[in-house]
Amino acid sequence: MSVNSMEETNQQLLLEILNKLNNLELLIPSEVSLSDLANSCNKENNTVRKYIIANYEPEKDFYKKGGKIFVGKEVAFDVRKHYVKG
């Protein structure tokens, strides 16, 4: 296989991966409630709440709506990663 052919194949694979990621992103909600996030991490609500309050900024990274705490998808990903490690 020539270098140009490999580069074209790699570029095509990267474009396919990017397309799949973009499609998956559409399935992820833009906001997640603290209780749903805690459930997905197999942690107590209070544990996740304390972690969010200690590591993120109110009204920027998390906010209250109707008495519930919500986070955006990026914060939700970060919190899930944190608890996967621990």
PDB file of N, CA and C in Angstrom:
ATOM      1  N   MET A   1       0.856  -1.178   0.000  1.00  0.00           N
ATOM      2  CA  MET A   1       0.000   0.000   0.000  1.00  0.00           C
ATOM      3  C   MET A   1       0.899   1.237   0.000  1.00  0.00           C
ATOM      4  N   SER A   2       0.611   2.190  -0.862  1.00  0.00           N
ATOM      5  CA  SER A   2       1.424   3.395  -0.954  1.00  0.00           C
ATOM      6  C   SER A   2       1.095   4.343   0.194  1.00  0.00           C
ATOM      7  N   VAL A   3       1.989   5.303   0.409  1.00  0.00           N
ATOM      8  CA  VAL A   3       1.807   6.285   1.484  1.00  0.00           C
ATOM      9  C   VAL A   3       0.551   7.112   1.230  1.00  0.00           C
ATOM     10  N   ASN A   4       0.351   7.547  -0.013  1.00  0.00           N
ATOM     11  CA  ASN A   4      -0.844   8.341  -0.338  1.00  0.00           C
ATOM     12  C   ASN A   4      -2.122   7.552  -0.098  1.00  0.00           C
ATOM     13  N   SER A   5      -2.107   6.290  -0.463  1.00  0.00           N
ATOM     14  CA  SER A   5      -3.278   5.434  -0.269  1.00  0.00           C
ATOM     15  C   SER A   5      -3.581   5.260   1.220  1.00  0.00           C
ATOM     16  N   MET A   6      -2.535   5.098   2.032  1.00  0.00           N
ATOM     17  CA  MET A   6      -2.718   4.968   3.486  1.00  0.00           C
ATOM     18  C   MET A   6      -3.262   6.257   4.068  1.00  0.00           C
ATOM     19  N   GLU A   7      -2.760   7.396   3.607  1.00  0.00           N
ATOM     20  CA  GLU A   7      -3.234   8.690   4.096  1.00  0.00           C
ATOM     21  C   GLU A   7      -4.709   8.886   3.750  1.00  0.00           C
ATOM     22  N   GLU A   8      -5.096   8.510   2.528  1.00  0.00           N
ATOM     23  CA  GLU A   8      -6.496   8.625   2.125  1.00  0.00           C
ATOM     24  C   GLU A   8      -7.380   7.711   2.969  1.00  0.00           C
ATOM     25  N   THR A   9      -6.916   6.499   3.223  1.00  0.00           N
ATOM     26  CA  THR A   9      -7.670   5.554   4.047  1.00  0.00           C
ATOM     27  C   THR A   9      -7.816   6.089   5.464  1.00  0.00           C
ATOM     28  N   ASN A  10      -6.726   6.604   6.024  1.00  0.00           N
ATOM     29  CA  ASN A  10      -6.776   7.172   7.379  1.00  0.00           C
ATOM     30  C   ASN A  10      -7.717   8.363   7.445  1.00  0.00           C
ATOM     31  N   GLN A  11      -7.663   9.223   6.429  1.00  0.00           N
ATOM     32  CA  GLN A  11      -8.540  10.391   6.409  1.00  0.00           C
ATOM     33  C   GLN A  11     -10.002   9.961   6.312  1.00  0.00           C
ATOM     34  N   GLN A  12     -10.267   8.956   5.482  1.00  0.00           N
ATOM     35  CA  GLN A  12     -11.636   8.451   5.344  1.00  0.00           C
ATOM     36  C   GLN A  12     -12.126   7.847   6.665  1.00  0.00           C
ATOM     37  N   LEU A  13     -11.257   7.100   7.350  1.00  0.00           N
ATOM     38  CA  LEU A  13     -11.637   6.516   8.641  1.00  0.00           C
ATOM     39  C   LEU A  13     -11.914   7.601   9.672  1.00  0.00           C
ATOM     40  N   LEU A  14     -11.081   8.636   9.687  1.00  0.00           N
ATOM     41  CA  LEU A  14     -11.297   9.742  10.629  1.00  0.00           C
ATOM     42  C   LEU A  14     -12.614  10.455  10.352  1.00  0.00           C
ATOM     43  N   LEU A  15     -12.949  10.645   9.096  1.00  0.00           N
ATOM     44  CA  LEU A  15     -14.217  11.284   8.754  1.00  0.00           C
ATOM     45  C   LEU A  15     -15.408  10.413   9.170  1.00  0.00           C
ATOM     46  N   GLU A  16     -15.281   9.112   9.009  1.00  0.00           N
ATOM     47  CA  GLU A  16     -16.344   8.200   9.446  1.00  0.00           C
ATOM     48  C   GLU A  16     -16.516   8.250  10.962  1.00  0.00           C
ATOM     49  N   ILE A  17     -15.402   8.272  11.681  1.00  0.00           N
ATOM     50  CA  ILE A  17     -15.458   8.349  13.151  1.00  0.00           C
ATOM     51  C   ILE A  17     -16.095   9.656  13.585  1.00  0.00           C
ATOM     52  N   LEU A  18     -15.691  10.754  12.968  1.00  0.00           N
ATOM     53  CA  LEU A  18     -16.259  12.065  13.295  1.00  0.00           C
ATOM     54  C   LEU A  18     -17.760  12.083  13.037  1.00  0.00           C
ATOM     55  N   ASN A  19     -18.191  11.518  11.934  1.00  0.00           N
ATOM     56  CA  ASN A  19     -19.614  11.455  11.607  1.00  0.00           C
ATOM     57  C   ASN A  19     -20.374  10.649  12.657  1.00  0.00           C
ATOM     58  N   LYS A  20     -19.817   9.527  13.075  1.00  0.00           N
ATOM     59  CA  LYS A  20     -20.472   8.706  14.100  1.00  0.00           C
ATOM     60  C   LYS A  20     -20.548   9.440  15.436  1.00  0.00           C
ATOM     61  N   LEU A  21     -19.483  10.148  15.797  1.00  0.00           N
ATOM     62  CA  LEU A  21     -19.499  10.921  17.041  1.00  0.00           C
ATOM     63  C   LEU A  21     -20.543  12.025  16.994  1.00  0.00           C
ATOM     64  N   ASN A  22     -20.632  12.698  15.853  1.00  0.00           N
ATOM     65  CA  ASN A  22     -21.643  13.744  15.707  1.00  0.00           C
ATOM     66  C   ASN A  22     -23.047  13.169  15.853  1.00  0.00           C
ATOM     67  N   ASN A  23     -23.283  12.000  15.289  1.00  0.00           N
ATOM     68  CA  ASN A  23     -24.593  11.358  15.417  1.00  0.00           C
ATOM     69  C   ASN A  23     -24.866  10.955  16.860  1.00  0.00           C
ATOM     70  N   LEU A  24     -23.858  10.447  17.552  1.00  0.00           N
ATOM     71  CA  LEU A  24     -24.037  10.075  18.963  1.00  0.00           C
ATOM     72  C   LEU A  24     -24.314  11.286  19.830  1.00  0.00           C
ATOM     73  N   GLU A  25     -23.661  12.401  19.526  1.00  0.00           N
ATOM     74  CA  GLU A  25     -23.849  13.613  20.319  1.00  0.00           C
ATOM     75  C   GLU A  25     -25.308  14.068  20.292  1.00  0.00           C
ATOM     76  N   LEU A  26     -25.993  13.814  19.193  1.00  0.00           N
ATOM     77  CA  LEU A  26     -27.407  14.183  19.085  1.00  0.00           C
ATOM     78  C   LEU A  26     -28.275  13.399  20.069  1.00  0.00           C
ATOM     79  N   LEU A  27     -27.817  12.225  20.473  1.00  0.00           N
ATOM     80  CA  LEU A  27     -28.583  11.382  21.388  1.00  0.00           C
ATOM     81  C   LEU A  27     -28.398  11.772  22.855  1.00  0.00           C
ATOM     82  N   ILE A  28     -27.365  12.560  23.136  1.00  0.00           N
ATOM     83  CA  ILE A  28     -27.048  12.929  24.516  1.00  0.00           C
ATOM     84  C   ILE A  28     -27.764  14.236  24.861  1.00  0.00           C
ATOM     85  N   PRO A  29     -28.521  14.240  25.959  1.00  0.00           N
ATOM     86  CA  PRO A  29     -29.228  15.469  26.329  1.00  0.00           C
ATOM     87  C   PRO A  29     -28.249  16.587  26.675  1.00  0.00           C
ATOM     88  N   SER A  30     -28.666  17.832  26.428  1.00  0.00           N
ATOM     89  CA  SER A  30     -27.790  18.979  26.696  1.00  0.00           C
ATOM     90  C   SER A  30     -27.667  19.272  28.188  1.00  0.00           C
ATOM     91  N   GLU A  31     -28.610  18.764  28.974  1.00  0.00           N
ATOM     92  CA  GLU A  31     -28.544  18.925  30.429  1.00  0.00           C
ATOM     93  C   GLU A  31     -28.971  17.627  31.094  1.00  0.00           C
ATOM     94  N   VAL A  32     -28.417  17.395  32.293  1.00  0.00           N
ATOM     95  CA  VAL A  32     -28.702  16.168  33.035  1.00  0.00           C
ATOM     96  C   VAL A  32     -28.981  16.559  34.482  1.00  0.00           C
ATOM     97  N   SER A  33     -30.012  15.987  35.073  1.00  0.00           N
ATOM     98  CA  SER A  33     -30.291  16.277  36.486  1.00  0.00           C
ATOM     99  C   SER A  33     -29.252  15.583  37.357  1.00  0.00           C
ATOM    100  N   LEU A  34     -29.024  16.158  38.506  1.00  0.00           N
ATOM    101  CA  LEU A  34     -28.067  15.577  39.447  1.00  0.00           C
ATOM    102  C   LEU A  34     -28.471  14.155  39.815  1.00  0.00           C
ATOM    103  N   SER A  35     -29.757  13.921  40.014  1.00  0.00           N
ATOM    104  CA  SER A  35     -30.191  12.574  40.410  1.00  0.00           C
ATOM    105  C   SER A  35     -29.951  11.559  39.288  1.00  0.00           C
ATOM    106  N   ASP A  36     -30.196  11.944  38.034  1.00  0.00           N
ATOM    107  CA  ASP A  36     -29.902  11.036  36.917  1.00  0.00           C
ATOM    108  C   ASP A  36     -28.405  10.786  36.791  1.00  0.00           C
ATOM    109  N   LEU A  37     -27.625  11.835  36.994  1.00  0.00           N
ATOM    110  CA  LEU A  37     -26.170  11.703  36.933  1.00  0.00           C
ATOM    111  C   LEU A  37     -25.672  10.778  38.039  1.00  0.00           C
ATOM    112  N   ALA A  38     -26.179  10.966  39.255  1.00  0.00           N
ATOM    113  CA  ALA A  38     -25.784  10.109  40.381  1.00  0.00           C
ATOM    114  C   ALA A  38     -26.150   8.653  40.105  1.00  0.00           C
ATOM    115  N   ASN A  39     -27.337   8.424  39.568  1.00  0.00           N
ATOM    116  CA  ASN A  39     -27.754   7.057  39.235  1.00  0.00           C
ATOM    117  C   ASN A  39     -26.822   6.431  38.210  1.00  0.00           C
ATOM    118  N   SER A  40     -26.430   7.207  37.194  1.00  0.00           N
ATOM    119  CA  SER A  40     -25.569   6.650  36.153  1.00  0.00           C
ATOM    120  C   SER A  40     -24.156   6.373  36.666  1.00  0.00           C
ATOM    121  N   CYS A  41     -23.780   7.036  37.768  1.00  0.00           N
ATOM    122  CA  CYS A  41     -22.457   6.811  38.373  1.00  0.00           C
ATOM    123  C   CYS A  41     -22.510   5.798  39.517  1.00  0.00           C
ATOM    124  N   ASN A  42     -23.710   5.318  39.842  1.00  0.00           N
ATOM    125  CA  ASN A  42     -23.909   4.425  40.994  1.00  0.00           C
ATOM    126  C   ASN A  42     -23.426   5.055  42.294  1.00  0.00           C
ATOM    127  N   LYS A  43     -23.735   6.337  42.452  1.00  0.00           N
ATOM    128  CA  LYS A  43     -23.373   7.089  43.650  1.00  0.00           C
ATOM    129  C   LYS A  43     -24.623   7.721  44.240  1.00  0.00           C
ATOM    130  N   GLU A  44     -24.537   8.084  45.511  1.00  0.00           N
ATOM    131  CA  GLU A  44     -25.632   8.790  46.167  1.00  0.00           C
ATOM    132  C   GLU A  44     -25.710  10.220  45.629  1.00  0.00           C
ATOM    133  N   ASN A  45     -26.923  10.778  45.601  1.00  0.00           N
ATOM    134  CA  ASN A  45     -27.101  12.161  45.145  1.00  0.00           C
ATOM    135  C   ASN A  45     -26.204  13.123  45.912  1.00  0.00           C
ATOM    136  N   ASN A  46     -26.147  12.947  47.238  1.00  0.00           N
ATOM    137  CA  ASN A  46     -25.372  13.859  48.069  1.00  0.00           C
ATOM    138  C   ASN A  46     -23.876  13.800  47.738  1.00  0.00           C
ATOM    139  N   THR A  47     -23.364  12.643  47.403  1.00  0.00           N
ATOM    140  CA  THR A  47     -21.951  12.484  47.038  1.00  0.00           C
ATOM    141  C   THR A  47     -21.643  13.271  45.775  1.00  0.00           C
ATOM    142  N   VAL A  48     -22.496  13.116  44.762  1.00  0.00           N
ATOM    143  CA  VAL A  48     -22.287  13.815  43.491  1.00  0.00           C
ATOM    144  C   VAL A  48     -22.496  15.317  43.678  1.00  0.00           C
ATOM    145  N   ARG A  49     -23.499  15.694  44.473  1.00  0.00           N
ATOM    146  CA  ARG A  49     -23.764  17.119  44.736  1.00  0.00           C
ATOM    147  C   ARG A  49     -22.550  17.786  45.371  1.00  0.00           C
ATOM    148  N   LYS A  50     -21.974  17.146  46.381  1.00  0.00           N
ATOM    149  CA  LYS A  50     -20.794  17.714  47.041  1.00  0.00           C
ATOM    150  C   LYS A  50     -19.623  17.842  46.069  1.00  0.00           C
ATOM    151  N   TYR A  51     -19.439  16.844  45.215  1.00  0.00           N
ATOM    152  CA  TYR A  51     -18.348  16.891  44.240  1.00  0.00           C
ATOM    153  C   TYR A  51     -18.557  18.049  43.253  1.00  0.00           C
ATOM    154  N   ILE A  52     -19.789  18.195  42.767  1.00  0.00           N
ATOM    155  CA  ILE A  52     -20.078  19.267  41.807  1.00  0.00           C
ATOM    156  C   ILE A  52     -19.880  20.637  42.449  1.00  0.00           C
ATOM    157  N   ILE A  53     -20.398  20.817  43.649  1.00  0.00           N
ATOM    158  CA  ILE A  53     -20.270  22.112  44.333  1.00  0.00           C
ATOM    159  C   ILE A  53     -18.808  22.445  44.605  1.00  0.00           C
ATOM    160  N   ALA A  54     -18.005  21.450  44.946  1.00  0.00           N
ATOM    161  CA  ALA A  54     -16.590  21.682  45.259  1.00  0.00           C
ATOM    162  C   ALA A  54     -15.734  21.934  44.021  1.00  0.00           C
ATOM    163  N   ASN A  55     -16.163  21.446  42.849  1.00  0.00           N
ATOM    164  CA  ASN A  55     -15.293  21.489  41.680  1.00  0.00           C
ATOM    165  C   ASN A  55     -15.807  22.306  40.498  1.00  0.00           C
ATOM    166  N   TYR A  56     -17.026  22.817  40.593  1.00  0.00           N
ATOM    167  CA  TYR A  56     -17.603  23.554  39.472  1.00  0.00           C
ATOM    168  C   TYR A  56     -18.245  24.843  39.954  1.00  0.00           C
ATOM    169  N   GLU A  57     -18.462  25.764  39.016  1.00  0.00           N
ATOM    170  CA  GLU A  57     -19.014  27.073  39.349  1.00  0.00           C
ATOM    171  C   GLU A  57     -20.530  27.107  39.181  1.00  0.00           C
ATOM    172  N   PRO A  58     -21.231  27.629  40.220  1.00  0.00           N
ATOM    173  CA  PRO A  58     -22.685  27.769  40.111  1.00  0.00           C
ATOM    174  C   PRO A  58     -23.056  28.714  38.963  1.00  0.00           C
ATOM    175  N   GLU A  59     -24.155  28.459  38.339  1.00  0.00           N
ATOM    176  CA  GLU A  59     -24.707  29.239  37.234  1.00  0.00           C
ATOM    177  C   GLU A  59     -23.867  29.182  35.963  1.00  0.00           C
ATOM    178  N   LYS A  60     -22.665  28.658  36.060  1.00  0.00           N
ATOM    179  CA  LYS A  60     -21.843  28.462  34.856  1.00  0.00           C
ATOM    180  C   LYS A  60     -21.831  26.979  34.488  1.00  0.00           C
ATOM    181  N   ASP A  61     -21.487  26.145  35.456  1.00  0.00           N
ATOM    182  CA  ASP A  61     -21.356  24.710  35.221  1.00  0.00           C
ATOM    183  C   ASP A  61     -22.565  23.911  35.708  1.00  0.00           C
ATOM    184  N   PHE A  62     -23.287  24.451  36.673  1.00  0.00           N
ATOM    185  CA  PHE A  62     -24.499  23.805  37.170  1.00  0.00           C
ATOM    186  C   PHE A  62     -25.476  24.871  37.629  1.00  0.00           C
ATOM    187  N   TYR A  63     -26.733  24.517  37.677  1.00  0.00           N
ATOM    188  CA  TYR A  63     -27.757  25.489  38.043  1.00  0.00           C
ATOM    189  C   TYR A  63     -28.971  24.757  38.603  1.00  0.00           C
ATOM    190  N   LYS A  64     -29.790  25.513  39.314  1.00  0.00           N
ATOM    191  CA  LYS A  64     -31.027  24.959  39.867  1.00  0.00           C
ATOM    192  C   LYS A  64     -32.193  25.341  38.960  1.00  0.00           C
ATOM    193  N   LYS A  65     -33.081  24.371  38.766  1.00  0.00           N
ATOM    194  CA  LYS A  65     -34.280  24.604  37.973  1.00  0.00           C
ATOM    195  C   LYS A  65     -35.395  23.802  38.625  1.00  0.00           C
ATOM    196  N   GLY A  66     -36.383  24.513  39.109  1.00  0.00           N
ATOM    197  CA  GLY A  66     -37.501  23.835  39.766  1.00  0.00           C
ATOM    198  C   GLY A  66     -37.085  23.054  41.000  1.00  0.00           C
ATOM    199  N   GLY A  67     -36.095  23.548  41.721  1.00  0.00           N
ATOM    200  CA  GLY A  67     -35.648  22.881  42.940  1.00  0.00           C
ATOM    201  C   GLY A  67     -34.673  21.737  42.707  1.00  0.00           C
ATOM    202  N   LYS A  68     -34.347  21.450  41.443  1.00  0.00           N
ATOM    203  CA  LYS A  68     -33.401  20.377  41.133  1.00  0.00           C
ATOM    204  C   LYS A  68     -32.123  20.985  40.558  1.00  0.00           C
ATOM    205  N   ILE A  69     -31.003  20.302  40.774  1.00  0.00           N
ATOM    206  CA  ILE A  69     -29.722  20.735  40.208  1.00  0.00           C
ATOM    207  C   ILE A  69     -29.521  20.043  38.871  1.00  0.00           C
ATOM    208  N   PHE A  70     -29.104  20.824  37.880  1.00  0.00           N
ATOM    209  CA  PHE A  70     -28.811  20.314  36.551  1.00  0.00           C
ATOM    210  C   PHE A  70     -27.392  20.686  36.151  1.00  0.00           C
ATOM    211  N   VAL A  71     -26.782  19.826  35.347  1.00  0.00           N
ATOM    212  CA  VAL A  71     -25.450  20.110  34.785  1.00  0.00           C
ATOM    213  C   VAL A  71     -25.534  19.930  33.271  1.00  0.00           C
ATOM    214  N   GLY A  72     -24.612  20.590  32.567  1.00  0.00           N
ATOM    215  CA  GLY A  72     -24.519  20.418  31.123  1.00  0.00           C
ATOM    216  C   GLY A  72     -23.832  19.108  30.787  1.00  0.00           C
ATOM    217  N   LYS A  73     -23.868  18.731  29.511  1.00  0.00           N
ATOM    218  CA  LYS A  73     -23.326  17.427  29.113  1.00  0.00           C
ATOM    219  C   LYS A  73     -21.823  17.326  29.342  1.00  0.00           C
ATOM    220  N   GLU A  74     -21.071  18.414  29.187  1.00  0.00           N
ATOM    221  CA  GLU A  74     -19.615  18.352  29.404  1.00  0.00           C
ATOM    222  C   GLU A  74     -19.291  18.064  30.868  1.00  0.00           C
ATOM    223  N   VAL A  75     -19.990  18.736  31.769  1.00  0.00           N
ATOM    224  CA  VAL A  75     -19.789  18.484  33.200  1.00  0.00           C
ATOM    225  C   VAL A  75     -20.207  17.055  33.536  1.00  0.00           C
ATOM    226  N   ALA A  76     -21.303  16.605  32.952  1.00  0.00           N
ATOM    227  CA  ALA A  76     -21.765  15.230  33.198  1.00  0.00           C
ATOM    228  C   ALA A  76     -20.700  14.223  32.760  1.00  0.00           C
ATOM    229  N   PHE A  77     -20.080  14.450  31.596  1.00  0.00           N
ATOM    230  CA  PHE A  77     -19.005  13.563  31.142  1.00  0.00           C
ATOM    231  C   PHE A  77     -17.846  13.578  32.126  1.00  0.00           C
ATOM    232  N   ASP A  78     -17.457  14.773  32.578  1.00  0.00           N
ATOM    233  CA  ASP A  78     -16.334  14.893  33.517  1.00  0.00           C
ATOM    234  C   ASP A  78     -16.621  14.168  34.828  1.00  0.00           C
ATOM    235  N   VAL A  79     -17.823  14.338  35.342  1.00  0.00           N
ATOM    236  CA  VAL A  79     -18.194  13.696  36.610  1.00  0.00           C
ATOM    237  C   VAL A  79     -18.196  12.178  36.439  1.00  0.00           C
ATOM    238  N   ARG A  80     -18.733  11.694  35.347  1.00  0.00           N
ATOM    239  CA  ARG A  80     -18.727  10.241  35.102  1.00  0.00           C
ATOM    240  C   ARG A  80     -17.298   9.717  35.024  1.00  0.00           C
ATOM    241  N   LYS A  81     -16.427  10.457  34.330  1.00  0.00           N
ATOM    242  CA  LYS A  81     -15.018  10.039  34.247  1.00  0.00           C
ATOM    243  C   LYS A  81     -14.380   9.984  35.631  1.00  0.00           C
ATOM    244  N   HIS A  82     -14.695  10.984  36.458  1.00  0.00           N
ATOM    245  CA  HIS A  82     -14.142  11.045  37.819  1.00  0.00           C
ATOM    246  C   HIS A  82     -14.527   9.794  38.606  1.00  0.00           C
ATOM    247  N   TYR A  83     -15.762   9.389  38.528  1.00  0.00           N
ATOM    248  CA  TYR A  83     -16.219   8.250  39.304  1.00  0.00           C
ATOM    249  C   TYR A  83     -15.841   6.906  38.687  1.00  0.00           C
ATOM    250  N   VAL A  84     -15.544   6.875  37.414  1.00  0.00           N
ATOM    251  CA  VAL A  84     -15.045   5.643  36.803  1.00  0.00           C
ATOM    252  C   VAL A  84     -13.635   5.362  37.326  1.00  0.00           C
ATOM    253  N   LYS A  85     -12.835   6.421  37.474  1.00  0.00           N
ATOM    254  CA  LYS A  85     -11.467   6.273  38.010  1.00  0.00           C
ATOM    255  C   LYS A  85     -11.497   5.792  39.450  1.00  0.00           C
ATOM    256  N   GLY A  86     -12.403   6.399  40.244  1.00  0.00           N
ATOM    257  CA  GLY A  86     -12.434   6.138  41.675  1.00  0.00           C
ATOM    258  C   GLY A  86     -13.198   4.932  41.973  1.00  0.00           C
TER     259      GLY A  86
END
